[in-house]
Amino acid sequence: MRPPCGSSARIRLCRCTPTAITRFHSPRRYRPWSPPPPSRRRSSAQAPPAPRRPASPPHLPPPSQPSVCRNASEGPMSYVDLKHLLADLALEAVRDPERAPWTAVAAAYGALAEENRPAVPWSALRTKAEEFGRGFDWHPTIDDAQRLVERGLLVRRGDEFTIMEPFLPFLAYLRRQTSRLLDALRLVRTLGPQGDEAELRRGVALFNAGLYFECHELLEGVWRATPGPERAFYHGIVQAAAAFYHYEKHNLHGARTLLTKGLQKLEGFPDHYRGVNLGAFRRALRSWLAHFKEGTSNAPEALPIISIDGES
């Protein structure tokens, strides 16, 4: 079992002087998504519920502070387990995109499967996965589908693959997250050589693709491992990601609280810091914070993105 919020080795990021600004963003605007209520159908041979993970300490005291980590209000255990499984897979993929053709298989399954027909033949799955993999020079094989079986996402039945039964009510969530992961991997490729800024740029790609929980999971380790004033920079981005995670779950109170704290931490840094156009990011966040405080339906036209400064 992996704790929701892990740690990672300290990453030292180099300073650089911006000469041009390149904006990396996903072309879509995402709508909030929340898991559907659990089905009331009862199986004649219902499996015992999966053991619940022990509660993790909250990120920030006191315990009542909203957190991106798992809690009882998030919904059925199967949704929470799926969320963490997909996050684990996403972090593996952005850290080693060249060896992640299985992400095309996961996205293909999400695109083809339906709740009333969750089984997808390998022939159809392979064709769609090849289509998704063209931009990455991937050539997915049945071994990539088998990897998803071994990780507990899919089940193989003869020549067909289907989602694990407890995850079936959340097929729309899998479809959305695997599609966004392909967007994130495209952004990772465009960022070029990463060096000491690798984890930050991976986190930027996840944030800009709408994978807010995954961005939080990745950059929290950097935040906790970074000493001194620079620590607040990473903490601010982590809290901004957590805010939009809560926004997509229709939790405006959590979004408002976390975004307020995140902006406060980011205010003390210059407009261009660690290769990030922080000034533009803060302006976008302020517009969204005003929306969260007003509680109206008039949201800003686009979700915020983190722009990376170009280098000569």
C-alpha atoms as a PDB file:
ATOM      1  CA  MET A   1       0.000   0.000   0.000  1.00  0.00           C
ATOM      2  CA  ARG A   2       1.291   3.412  -0.964  1.00  0.00           C
ATOM      3  CA  PRO A   3       0.534   6.364   1.293  1.00  0.00           C
ATOM      4  CA  PRO A   4      -1.442   9.020  -0.603  1.00  0.00           C
ATOM      5  CA  CYS A   5       1.331  11.563  -0.310  1.00  0.00           C
ATOM      6  CA  GLY A   6       4.843  10.215  -0.779  1.00  0.00           C
ATOM      7  CA  SER A   7       8.222  11.810  -0.575  1.00  0.00           C
ATOM      8  CA  SER A   8      10.946  12.055  -3.125  1.00  0.00           C
ATOM      9  CA  ALA A   9      14.572  12.954  -3.280  1.00  0.00           C
ATOM     10  CA  ARG A  10      15.437  16.648  -3.187  1.00  0.00           C
ATOM     11  CA  ILE A  11      15.530  18.196  -6.604  1.00  0.00           C
ATOM     12  CA  ARG A  12      17.664  21.300  -7.117  1.00  0.00           C
ATOM     13  CA  LEU A  13      16.279  23.502  -9.883  1.00  0.00           C
ATOM     14  CA  CYS A  14      18.569  25.889 -11.755  1.00  0.00           C
ATOM     15  CA  ARG A  15      17.815  29.592 -12.263  1.00  0.00           C
ATOM     16  CA  CYS A  16      17.477  30.797 -15.817  1.00  0.00           C
ATOM     17  CA  THR A  17      16.831  34.137 -17.567  1.00  0.00           C
ATOM     18  CA  PRO A  18      13.676  34.129 -19.717  1.00  0.00           C
ATOM     19  CA  THR A  19      13.932  35.411 -23.249  1.00  0.00           C
ATOM     20  CA  ALA A  20      10.596  34.220 -24.584  1.00  0.00           C
ATOM     21  CA  ILE A  21       7.459  32.736 -23.163  1.00  0.00           C
ATOM     22  CA  THR A  22       6.044  29.493 -24.420  1.00  0.00           C
ATOM     23  CA  ARG A  23       2.624  28.530 -23.155  1.00  0.00           C
ATOM     24  CA  PHE A  24       1.982  24.853 -22.750  1.00  0.00           C
ATOM     25  CA  HIS A  25      -1.626  23.913 -22.332  1.00  0.00           C
ATOM     26  CA  SER A  26      -4.167  21.300 -23.153  1.00  0.00           C
ATOM     27  CA  PRO A  27      -6.603  22.477 -25.826  1.00  0.00           C
ATOM     28  CA  ARG A  28      -9.693  21.408 -23.956  1.00  0.00           C
ATOM     29  CA  ARG A  29     -11.613  23.035 -21.183  1.00  0.00           C
ATOM     30  CA  TYR A  30     -12.609  20.471 -18.595  1.00  0.00           C
ATOM     31  CA  ARG A  31     -15.855  20.284 -16.710  1.00  0.00           C
ATOM     32  CA  PRO A  32     -15.991  19.189 -13.085  1.00  0.00           C
ATOM     33  CA  TRP A  33     -16.639  15.482 -12.636  1.00  0.00           C
ATOM     34  CA  SER A  34     -17.903  13.624  -9.620  1.00  0.00           C
ATOM     35  CA  PRO A  35     -18.405   9.888  -9.189  1.00  0.00           C
ATOM     36  CA  PRO A  36     -21.928   8.559  -9.707  1.00  0.00           C
ATOM     37  CA  PRO A  37     -23.750   7.040  -6.728  1.00  0.00           C
ATOM     38  CA  PRO A  38     -22.950   3.369  -6.160  1.00  0.00           C
ATOM     39  CA  SER A  39     -25.240   0.841  -7.792  1.00  0.00           C
ATOM     40  CA  ARG A  40     -27.907  -0.723  -5.591  1.00  0.00           C
ATOM     41  CA  ARG A  41     -27.704  -4.035  -7.444  1.00  0.00           C
ATOM     42  CA  ARG A  42     -26.543  -6.918  -5.305  1.00  0.00           C
ATOM     43  CA  SER A  43     -24.666  -9.849  -6.721  1.00  0.00           C
ATOM     44  CA  SER A  44     -25.602 -13.352  -5.627  1.00  0.00           C
ATOM     45  CA  ALA A  45     -21.960 -13.947  -4.793  1.00  0.00           C
ATOM     46  CA  GLN A  46     -20.862 -10.531  -3.617  1.00  0.00           C
ATOM     47  CA  ALA A  47     -17.150 -10.284  -2.812  1.00  0.00           C
ATOM     48  CA  PRO A  48     -16.149  -8.924   0.603  1.00  0.00           C
ATOM     49  CA  PRO A  49     -15.213  -5.226   0.581  1.00  0.00           C
ATOM     50  CA  ALA A  50     -11.559  -4.353   0.042  1.00  0.00           C
ATOM     51  CA  PRO A  51      -9.717  -3.455   3.260  1.00  0.00           C
ATOM     52  CA  ARG A  52      -9.700   0.276   3.894  1.00  0.00           C
ATOM     53  CA  ARG A  53      -6.331   1.971   3.930  1.00  0.00           C
ATOM     54  CA  PRO A  54      -5.394   3.512   7.293  1.00  0.00           C
ATOM     55  CA  ALA A  55      -6.098   7.221   7.498  1.00  0.00           C
ATOM     56  CA  SER A  56      -3.186   9.427   6.548  1.00  0.00           C
ATOM     57  CA  PRO A  57      -2.216  12.520   8.504  1.00  0.00           C
ATOM     58  CA  PRO A  58      -3.497  15.723   6.896  1.00  0.00           C
ATOM     59  CA  HIS A  59      -1.106  17.909   4.962  1.00  0.00           C
ATOM     60  CA  LEU A  60      -1.591  20.940   7.118  1.00  0.00           C
ATOM     61  CA  PRO A  61      -2.750  21.382  10.705  1.00  0.00           C
ATOM     62  CA  PRO A  62      -5.395  21.467  12.039  1.00  0.00           C
ATOM     63  CA  PRO A  63      -7.051  18.186  10.961  1.00  0.00           C
ATOM     64  CA  SER A  64     -10.126  20.048   9.738  1.00  0.00           C
ATOM     65  CA  GLN A  65      -8.200  21.697   6.894  1.00  0.00           C
ATOM     66  CA  PRO A  66      -9.349  20.522   3.442  1.00  0.00           C
ATOM     67  CA  SER A  67      -6.938  18.085   1.878  1.00  0.00           C
ATOM     68  CA  VAL A  68      -6.516  16.522  -1.517  1.00  0.00           C
ATOM     69  CA  CYS A  69      -5.831  13.202   0.178  1.00  0.00           C
ATOM     70  CA  ARG A  70      -8.394  10.505   0.606  1.00  0.00           C
ATOM     71  CA  ASN A  71     -11.202  10.915   3.108  1.00  0.00           C
ATOM     72  CA  ALA A  72     -14.588   9.454   3.824  1.00  0.00           C
ATOM     73  CA  SER A  73     -16.422  12.119   1.822  1.00  0.00           C
ATOM     74  CA  GLU A  74     -14.780  11.183  -1.472  1.00  0.00           C
ATOM     75  CA  GLY A  75     -17.215   8.419  -2.278  1.00  0.00           C
ATOM     76  CA  PRO A  76     -17.216   4.637  -2.565  1.00  0.00           C
ATOM     77  CA  MET A  77     -13.971   2.831  -1.826  1.00  0.00           C
ATOM     78  CA  SER A  78     -13.759   1.506  -5.374  1.00  0.00           C
ATOM     79  CA  TYR A  79     -13.636   5.065  -6.745  1.00  0.00           C
ATOM     80  CA  VAL A  80     -10.872   6.022  -4.320  1.00  0.00           C
ATOM     81  CA  ASP A  81      -8.893   2.904  -5.200  1.00  0.00           C
ATOM     82  CA  LEU A  82      -9.284   3.639  -8.916  1.00  0.00           C
ATOM     83  CA  LYS A  83      -8.168   7.233  -8.378  1.00  0.00           C
ATOM     84  CA  HIS A  84      -4.972   6.135  -6.619  1.00  0.00           C
ATOM     85  CA  LEU A  85      -4.272   3.367  -9.143  1.00  0.00           C
ATOM     86  CA  LEU A  86      -4.596   5.751 -12.088  1.00  0.00           C
ATOM     87  CA  ALA A  87      -2.437   8.326 -10.282  1.00  0.00           C
ATOM     88  CA  ASP A  88       0.298   5.736  -9.718  1.00  0.00           C
ATOM     89  CA  LEU A  89       0.214   4.813 -13.403  1.00  0.00           C
ATOM     90  CA  ALA A  90       0.279   8.465 -14.470  1.00  0.00           C
ATOM     91  CA  LEU A  91       3.363   9.238 -12.389  1.00  0.00           C
ATOM     92  CA  GLU A  92       5.134   6.214 -13.847  1.00  0.00           C
ATOM     93  CA  ALA A  93       4.252   7.354 -17.355  1.00  0.00           C
ATOM     94  CA  VAL A  94       5.416  10.978 -17.055  1.00  0.00           C
ATOM     95  CA  ARG A  95       8.701   9.853 -15.539  1.00  0.00           C
ATOM     96  CA  ASP A  96       9.411   7.413 -18.369  1.00  0.00           C
ATOM     97  CA  PRO A  97       7.225   8.237 -21.391  1.00  0.00           C
ATOM     98  CA  GLU A  98       9.265   6.165 -23.831  1.00  0.00           C
ATOM     99  CA  ARG A  99       8.360   3.002 -21.945  1.00  0.00           C
ATOM    100  CA  ALA A 100       4.697   3.806 -21.441  1.00  0.00           C
ATOM    101  CA  PRO A 101       2.826   2.523 -24.530  1.00  0.00           C
ATOM    102  CA  TRP A 102       0.382   0.917 -22.096  1.00  0.00           C
ATOM    103  CA  THR A 103      -1.067   4.412 -21.584  1.00  0.00           C
ATOM    104  CA  ALA A 104      -2.361   4.239 -25.172  1.00  0.00           C
ATOM    105  CA  VAL A 105      -4.013   0.904 -24.345  1.00  0.00           C
ATOM    106  CA  ALA A 106      -5.639   2.371 -21.227  1.00  0.00           C
ATOM    107  CA  ALA A 107      -6.922   5.375 -23.181  1.00  0.00           C
ATOM    108  CA  ALA A 108      -8.140   3.098 -25.977  1.00  0.00           C
ATOM    109  CA  TYR A 109     -10.071   0.994 -23.500  1.00  0.00           C
ATOM    110  CA  GLY A 110     -11.651   4.110 -22.028  1.00  0.00           C
ATOM    111  CA  ALA A 111     -12.661   5.302 -25.481  1.00  0.00           C
ATOM    112  CA  LEU A 112     -14.197   1.983 -26.577  1.00  0.00           C
ATOM    113  CA  ALA A 113     -15.760   0.503 -23.445  1.00  0.00           C
ATOM    114  CA  GLU A 114     -19.345   1.188 -22.413  1.00  0.00           C
ATOM    115  CA  GLU A 115     -21.004   0.466 -19.096  1.00  0.00           C
ATOM    116  CA  ASN A 116     -23.452  -1.943 -20.699  1.00  0.00           C
ATOM    117  CA  ARG A 117     -20.681  -3.498 -22.836  1.00  0.00           C
ATOM    118  CA  PRO A 118     -17.414  -3.220 -20.880  1.00  0.00           C
ATOM    119  CA  ALA A 119     -15.616  -6.084 -22.678  1.00  0.00           C
ATOM    120  CA  VAL A 120     -13.467  -4.954 -25.616  1.00  0.00           C
ATOM    121  CA  PRO A 121     -11.836  -7.412 -28.058  1.00  0.00           C
ATOM    122  CA  TRP A 122      -8.063  -7.119 -28.299  1.00  0.00           C
ATOM    123  CA  SER A 123      -8.269  -6.529 -32.059  1.00  0.00           C
ATOM    124  CA  ALA A 124     -10.336  -3.361 -31.548  1.00  0.00           C
ATOM    125  CA  LEU A 125      -8.249  -2.310 -28.557  1.00  0.00           C
ATOM    126  CA  ARG A 126      -5.012  -2.692 -30.512  1.00  0.00           C
ATOM    127  CA  THR A 127      -6.302  -0.625 -33.446  1.00  0.00           C
ATOM    128  CA  LYS A 128      -7.376   2.259 -31.227  1.00  0.00           C
ATOM    129  CA  ALA A 129      -4.174   2.060 -29.144  1.00  0.00           C
ATOM    130  CA  GLU A 130      -2.101   2.265 -32.339  1.00  0.00           C
ATOM    131  CA  GLU A 131      -4.047   5.378 -33.286  1.00  0.00           C
ATOM    132  CA  PHE A 132      -3.341   7.015 -29.915  1.00  0.00           C
ATOM    133  CA  GLY A 133       0.298   5.962 -29.998  1.00  0.00           C
ATOM    134  CA  ARG A 134       1.249   7.431 -33.371  1.00  0.00           C
ATOM    135  CA  GLY A 135       2.393  10.763 -31.992  1.00  0.00           C
ATOM    136  CA  PHE A 136       4.638   8.992 -29.490  1.00  0.00           C
ATOM    137  CA  ASP A 137       6.151   6.411 -31.843  1.00  0.00           C
ATOM    138  CA  TRP A 138       4.527   3.701 -29.727  1.00  0.00           C
ATOM    139  CA  HIS A 139       3.476   0.316 -31.054  1.00  0.00           C
ATOM    140  CA  PRO A 140       1.388  -1.200 -28.255  1.00  0.00           C
ATOM    141  CA  THR A 141       1.234  -4.968 -27.958  1.00  0.00           C
ATOM    142  CA  ILE A 142      -0.867  -7.351 -25.952  1.00  0.00           C
ATOM    143  CA  ASP A 143       1.883  -7.283 -23.323  1.00  0.00           C
ATOM    144  CA  ASP A 144       0.941  -3.660 -22.629  1.00  0.00           C
ATOM    145  CA  ALA A 145      -2.659  -4.721 -22.060  1.00  0.00           C
ATOM    146  CA  GLN A 146      -1.410  -7.520 -19.821  1.00  0.00           C
ATOM    147  CA  ARG A 147       0.490  -4.950 -17.752  1.00  0.00           C
ATOM    148  CA  LEU A 148      -2.816  -3.237 -16.971  1.00  0.00           C
ATOM    149  CA  VAL A 149      -4.176  -6.625 -15.940  1.00  0.00           C
ATOM    150  CA  GLU A 150      -1.233  -7.151 -13.605  1.00  0.00           C
ATOM    151  CA  ARG A 151      -1.724  -3.702 -12.088  1.00  0.00           C
ATOM    152  CA  GLY A 152      -5.335  -4.499 -11.274  1.00  0.00           C
ATOM    153  CA  LEU A 153      -7.074  -2.191 -13.747  1.00  0.00           C
ATOM    154  CA  LEU A 154      -8.260  -4.662 -16.406  1.00  0.00           C
ATOM    155  CA  VAL A 155      -9.266  -8.317 -16.519  1.00  0.00           C
ATOM    156  CA  ARG A 156      -8.568 -10.603 -19.476  1.00  0.00           C
ATOM    157  CA  ARG A 157     -11.187 -13.096 -20.588  1.00  0.00           C
ATOM    158  CA  GLY A 158     -10.049 -14.952 -23.658  1.00  0.00           C
ATOM    159  CA  ASP A 159      -9.455 -12.400 -26.403  1.00  0.00           C
ATOM    160  CA  GLU A 160     -11.316  -9.645 -24.575  1.00  0.00           C
ATOM    161  CA  PHE A 161     -10.350  -7.161 -21.905  1.00  0.00           C
ATOM    162  CA  THR A 162     -12.722  -5.600 -19.406  1.00  0.00           C
ATOM    163  CA  ILE A 163     -12.405  -3.280 -16.435  1.00  0.00           C
ATOM    164  CA  MET A 164     -12.333  -4.675 -12.912  1.00  0.00           C
ATOM    165  CA  GLU A 165     -15.940  -4.997 -11.793  1.00  0.00           C
ATOM    166  CA  PRO A 166     -15.735  -2.620  -8.785  1.00  0.00           C
ATOM    167  CA  PHE A 167     -14.471   0.123 -11.124  1.00  0.00           C
ATOM    168  CA  LEU A 168     -17.236  -0.254 -13.723  1.00  0.00           C
ATOM    169  CA  PRO A 169     -19.502   2.500 -12.274  1.00  0.00           C
ATOM    170  CA  PHE A 170     -16.588   4.923 -12.699  1.00  0.00           C
ATOM    171  CA  LEU A 171     -15.822   4.178 -16.332  1.00  0.00           C
ATOM    172  CA  ALA A 172     -16.379   7.840 -17.240  1.00  0.00           C
ATOM    173  CA  TYR A 173     -13.687   8.830 -14.744  1.00  0.00           C
ATOM    174  CA  LEU A 174     -11.223   6.337 -16.241  1.00  0.00           C
ATOM    175  CA  ARG A 175     -12.063   7.641 -19.726  1.00  0.00           C
ATOM    176  CA  ARG A 176     -11.384  11.236 -18.669  1.00  0.00           C
ATOM    177  CA  GLN A 177      -8.188  10.542 -16.743  1.00  0.00           C
ATOM    178  CA  THR A 178      -6.557   8.342 -19.376  1.00  0.00           C
ATOM    179  CA  SER A 179      -7.338  10.904 -22.082  1.00  0.00           C
ATOM    180  CA  ARG A 180      -5.816  13.650 -19.963  1.00  0.00           C
ATOM    181  CA  LEU A 181      -2.748  11.504 -19.356  1.00  0.00           C
ATOM    182  CA  LEU A 182      -2.088  11.394 -23.103  1.00  0.00           C
ATOM    183  CA  ASP A 183      -2.334  15.206 -23.099  1.00  0.00           C
ATOM    184  CA  ALA A 184       0.162  15.365 -20.227  1.00  0.00           C
ATOM    185  CA  LEU A 185       2.617  13.097 -22.041  1.00  0.00           C
ATOM    186  CA  ARG A 186       2.418  15.292 -25.141  1.00  0.00           C
ATOM    187  CA  LEU A 187       3.301  18.272 -22.955  1.00  0.00           C
ATOM    188  CA  VAL A 188       6.198  16.408 -21.352  1.00  0.00           C
ATOM    189  CA  ARG A 189       7.625  15.810 -24.823  1.00  0.00           C
ATOM    190  CA  THR A 190       7.383  19.492 -25.760  1.00  0.00           C
ATOM    191  CA  LEU A 191       9.281  20.669 -22.690  1.00  0.00           C
ATOM    192  CA  GLY A 192      12.592  19.400 -24.066  1.00  0.00           C
ATOM    193  CA  PRO A 193      15.689  18.724 -21.909  1.00  0.00           C
ATOM    194  CA  GLN A 194      14.701  18.852 -18.281  1.00  0.00           C
ATOM    195  CA  GLY A 195      17.842  18.375 -16.193  1.00  0.00           C
ATOM    196  CA  ASP A 196      17.407  19.512 -12.612  1.00  0.00           C
ATOM    197  CA  GLU A 197      13.934  20.871 -13.388  1.00  0.00           C
ATOM    198  CA  ALA A 198      12.561  17.456 -14.380  1.00  0.00           C
ATOM    199  CA  GLU A 199      10.036  16.985 -11.596  1.00  0.00           C
ATOM    200  CA  LEU A 200       8.818  20.580 -11.756  1.00  0.00           C
ATOM    201  CA  ARG A 201       8.211  20.326 -15.503  1.00  0.00           C
ATOM    202  CA  ARG A 202       6.449  16.994 -15.120  1.00  0.00           C
ATOM    203  CA  GLY A 203       4.244  18.597 -12.500  1.00  0.00           C
ATOM    204  CA  VAL A 204       3.524  21.488 -14.882  1.00  0.00           C
ATOM    205  CA  ALA A 205       2.503  19.021 -17.601  1.00  0.00           C
ATOM    206  CA  LEU A 206       0.148  17.226 -15.217  1.00  0.00           C
ATOM    207  CA  PHE A 207      -1.397  20.485 -14.002  1.00  0.00           C
ATOM    208  CA  ASN A 208      -1.908  21.861 -17.516  1.00  0.00           C
ATOM    209  CA  ALA A 209      -3.524  18.600 -18.641  1.00  0.00           C
ATOM    210  CA  GLY A 210      -6.034  18.792 -15.775  1.00  0.00           C
ATOM    211  CA  LEU A 211      -4.471  15.970 -13.733  1.00  0.00           C
ATOM    212  CA  TYR A 212      -4.557  17.995 -10.528  1.00  0.00           C
ATOM    213  CA  PHE A 213      -4.449  15.117  -8.065  1.00  0.00           C
ATOM    214  CA  GLU A 214      -1.479  13.612  -9.898  1.00  0.00           C
ATOM    215  CA  CYS A 215       0.320  16.994  -9.940  1.00  0.00           C
ATOM    216  CA  HIS A 216      -0.225  17.239  -6.196  1.00  0.00           C
ATOM    217  CA  GLU A 217       1.108  13.722  -5.640  1.00  0.00           C
ATOM    218  CA  LEU A 218       4.246  14.360  -7.699  1.00  0.00           C
ATOM    219  CA  LEU A 219       5.199  17.824  -6.441  1.00  0.00           C
ATOM    220  CA  GLU A 220       4.413  17.239  -2.795  1.00  0.00           C
ATOM    221  CA  GLY A 221       7.582  15.167  -2.524  1.00  0.00           C
ATOM    222  CA  VAL A 222       9.589  18.047  -4.023  1.00  0.00           C
ATOM    223  CA  TRP A 223       8.000  20.529  -1.631  1.00  0.00           C
ATOM    224  CA  ARG A 224       8.743  18.419   1.437  1.00  0.00           C
ATOM    225  CA  ALA A 225      12.334  17.781   0.350  1.00  0.00           C
ATOM    226  CA  THR A 226      13.152  21.439  -0.415  1.00  0.00           C
ATOM    227  CA  PRO A 227      14.605  23.552   2.432  1.00  0.00           C
ATOM    228  CA  GLY A 228      14.552  27.307   2.906  1.00  0.00           C
ATOM    229  CA  PRO A 229      12.314  29.962   1.322  1.00  0.00           C
ATOM    230  CA  GLU A 230      12.117  28.051  -1.982  1.00  0.00           C
ATOM    231  CA  ARG A 231       9.972  25.464  -0.222  1.00  0.00           C
ATOM    232  CA  ALA A 232       6.990  27.836  -0.337  1.00  0.00           C
ATOM    233  CA  PHE A 233       7.147  27.972  -4.159  1.00  0.00           C
ATOM    234  CA  TYR A 234       6.469  24.256  -4.498  1.00  0.00           C
ATOM    235  CA  HIS A 235       3.984  24.263  -1.634  1.00  0.00           C
ATOM    236  CA  GLY A 236       2.010  27.017  -3.369  1.00  0.00           C
ATOM    237  CA  ILE A 237       1.755  25.034  -6.619  1.00  0.00           C
ATOM    238  CA  VAL A 238       0.771  21.906  -4.674  1.00  0.00           C
ATOM    239  CA  GLN A 239      -2.029  23.802  -2.947  1.00  0.00           C
ATOM    240  CA  ALA A 240      -3.202  25.340  -6.232  1.00  0.00           C
ATOM    241  CA  ALA A 241      -3.412  21.850  -7.740  1.00  0.00           C
ATOM    242  CA  ALA A 242      -5.322  20.636  -4.695  1.00  0.00           C
ATOM    243  CA  ALA A 243      -7.720  23.578  -5.038  1.00  0.00           C
ATOM    244  CA  PHE A 244      -8.685  22.621  -8.582  1.00  0.00           C
ATOM    245  CA  TYR A 245      -8.974  18.981  -7.595  1.00  0.00           C
ATOM    246  CA  HIS A 246     -11.612  20.091  -5.084  1.00  0.00           C
ATOM    247  CA  TYR A 247     -13.227  22.376  -7.660  1.00  0.00           C
ATOM    248  CA  GLU A 248     -13.755  19.423  -9.991  1.00  0.00           C
ATOM    249  CA  LYS A 249     -15.466  17.644  -7.097  1.00  0.00           C
ATOM    250  CA  HIS A 250     -17.788  20.652  -6.621  1.00  0.00           C
ATOM    251  CA  ASN A 251     -16.195  21.492  -3.249  1.00  0.00           C
ATOM    252  CA  LEU A 252     -15.952  25.284  -3.531  1.00  0.00           C
ATOM    253  CA  HIS A 253     -15.116  25.708   0.156  1.00  0.00           C
ATOM    254  CA  GLY A 254     -12.078  23.450  -0.142  1.00  0.00           C
ATOM    255  CA  ALA A 255     -11.091  25.079  -3.434  1.00  0.00           C
ATOM    256  CA  ARG A 256     -11.350  28.579  -1.955  1.00  0.00           C
ATOM    257  CA  THR A 257      -9.404  27.707   1.207  1.00  0.00           C
ATOM    258  CA  LEU A 258      -6.560  25.941  -0.578  1.00  0.00           C
ATOM    259  CA  LEU A 259      -6.250  28.480  -3.386  1.00  0.00           C
ATOM    260  CA  THR A 260      -6.103  31.319  -0.848  1.00  0.00           C
ATOM    261  CA  LYS A 261      -3.234  29.597   0.937  1.00  0.00           C
ATOM    262  CA  GLY A 262      -1.469  28.676  -2.291  1.00  0.00           C
ATOM    263  CA  LEU A 263      -1.607  32.233  -3.637  1.00  0.00           C
ATOM    264  CA  GLN A 264      -0.271  33.612  -0.362  1.00  0.00           C
ATOM    265  CA  LYS A 265       2.773  31.356  -0.674  1.00  0.00           C
ATOM    266  CA  LEU A 266       3.388  32.274  -4.324  1.00  0.00           C
ATOM    267  CA  GLU A 267       3.090  36.053  -3.765  1.00  0.00           C
ATOM    268  CA  GLY A 268       6.600  36.325  -2.326  1.00  0.00           C
ATOM    269  CA  PHE A 269       8.365  35.262  -5.531  1.00  0.00           C
ATOM    270  CA  PRO A 270       9.288  37.278  -8.662  1.00  0.00           C
ATOM    271  CA  ASP A 271       7.188  37.109 -11.814  1.00  0.00           C
ATOM    272  CA  HIS A 272       9.673  34.711 -13.410  1.00  0.00           C
ATOM    273  CA  TYR A 273      11.007  32.019 -11.102  1.00  0.00           C
ATOM    274  CA  ARG A 274      12.609  28.644 -11.752  1.00  0.00           C
ATOM    275  CA  GLY A 275      11.653  28.843 -15.412  1.00  0.00           C
ATOM    276  CA  VAL A 276       7.969  29.484 -14.625  1.00  0.00           C
ATOM    277  CA  ASN A 277       6.005  32.558 -15.697  1.00  0.00           C
ATOM    278  CA  LEU A 278       4.723  32.967 -12.170  1.00  0.00           C
ATOM    279  CA  GLY A 279       3.239  36.411 -12.765  1.00  0.00           C
ATOM    280  CA  ALA A 280       0.812  35.108 -15.393  1.00  0.00           C
ATOM    281  CA  PHE A 281      -0.044  32.093 -13.253  1.00  0.00           C
ATOM    282  CA  ARG A 282      -0.843  34.259 -10.236  1.00  0.00           C
ATOM    283  CA  ARG A 283      -3.094  36.530 -12.308  1.00  0.00           C
ATOM    284  CA  ALA A 284      -5.075  33.539 -13.528  1.00  0.00           C
ATOM    285  CA  LEU A 285      -5.350  32.157  -9.998  1.00  0.00           C
ATOM    286  CA  ARG A 286      -6.638  35.473  -8.634  1.00  0.00           C
ATOM    287  CA  SER A 287      -9.498  35.441 -11.144  1.00  0.00           C
ATOM    288  CA  TRP A 288     -10.460  31.950 -10.070  1.00  0.00           C
ATOM    289  CA  LEU A 289     -10.192  32.809  -6.378  1.00  0.00           C
ATOM    290  CA  ALA A 290     -12.618  35.683  -6.910  1.00  0.00           C
ATOM    291  CA  HIS A 291     -14.982  33.209  -8.579  1.00  0.00           C
ATOM    292  CA  PHE A 292     -14.666  30.765  -5.672  1.00  0.00           C
ATOM    293  CA  LYS A 293     -15.386  33.540  -3.179  1.00  0.00           C
ATOM    294  CA  GLU A 294     -18.431  34.803  -5.077  1.00  0.00           C
ATOM    295  CA  GLY A 295     -19.841  31.318  -5.504  1.00  0.00           C
ATOM    296  CA  THR A 296     -21.504  32.240  -8.800  1.00  0.00           C
ATOM    297  CA  SER A 297     -21.799  30.260 -12.011  1.00  0.00           C
ATOM    298  CA  ASN A 298     -19.777  32.842 -13.966  1.00  0.00           C
ATOM    299  CA  ALA A 299     -16.423  31.075 -13.937  1.00  0.00           C
ATOM    300  CA  PRO A 300     -13.414  32.505 -15.799  1.00  0.00           C
ATOM    301  CA  GLU A 301     -13.355  31.526 -19.441  1.00  0.00           C
ATOM    302  CA  ALA A 302     -10.395  29.132 -19.154  1.00  0.00           C
ATOM    303  CA  LEU A 303      -8.793  27.047 -16.457  1.00  0.00           C
ATOM    304  CA  PRO A 304      -5.388  28.321 -15.317  1.00  0.00           C
ATOM    305  CA  ILE A 305      -2.202  26.948 -16.816  1.00  0.00           C
ATOM    306  CA  ILE A 306       1.447  27.242 -15.854  1.00  0.00           C
ATOM    307  CA  SER A 307       3.566  28.784 -18.603  1.00  0.00           C
ATOM    308  CA  ILE A 308       7.227  27.851 -18.991  1.00  0.00           C
ATOM    309  CA  ASP A 309       9.772  30.535 -19.907  1.00  0.00           C
ATOM    310  CA  GLY A 310      11.631  29.834 -23.154  1.00  0.00           C
ATOM    311  CA  GLU A 311      15.434  29.769 -23.060  1.00  0.00           C
ATOM    312  CA  SER A 312      17.765  30.974 -25.782  1.00  0.00           C
END
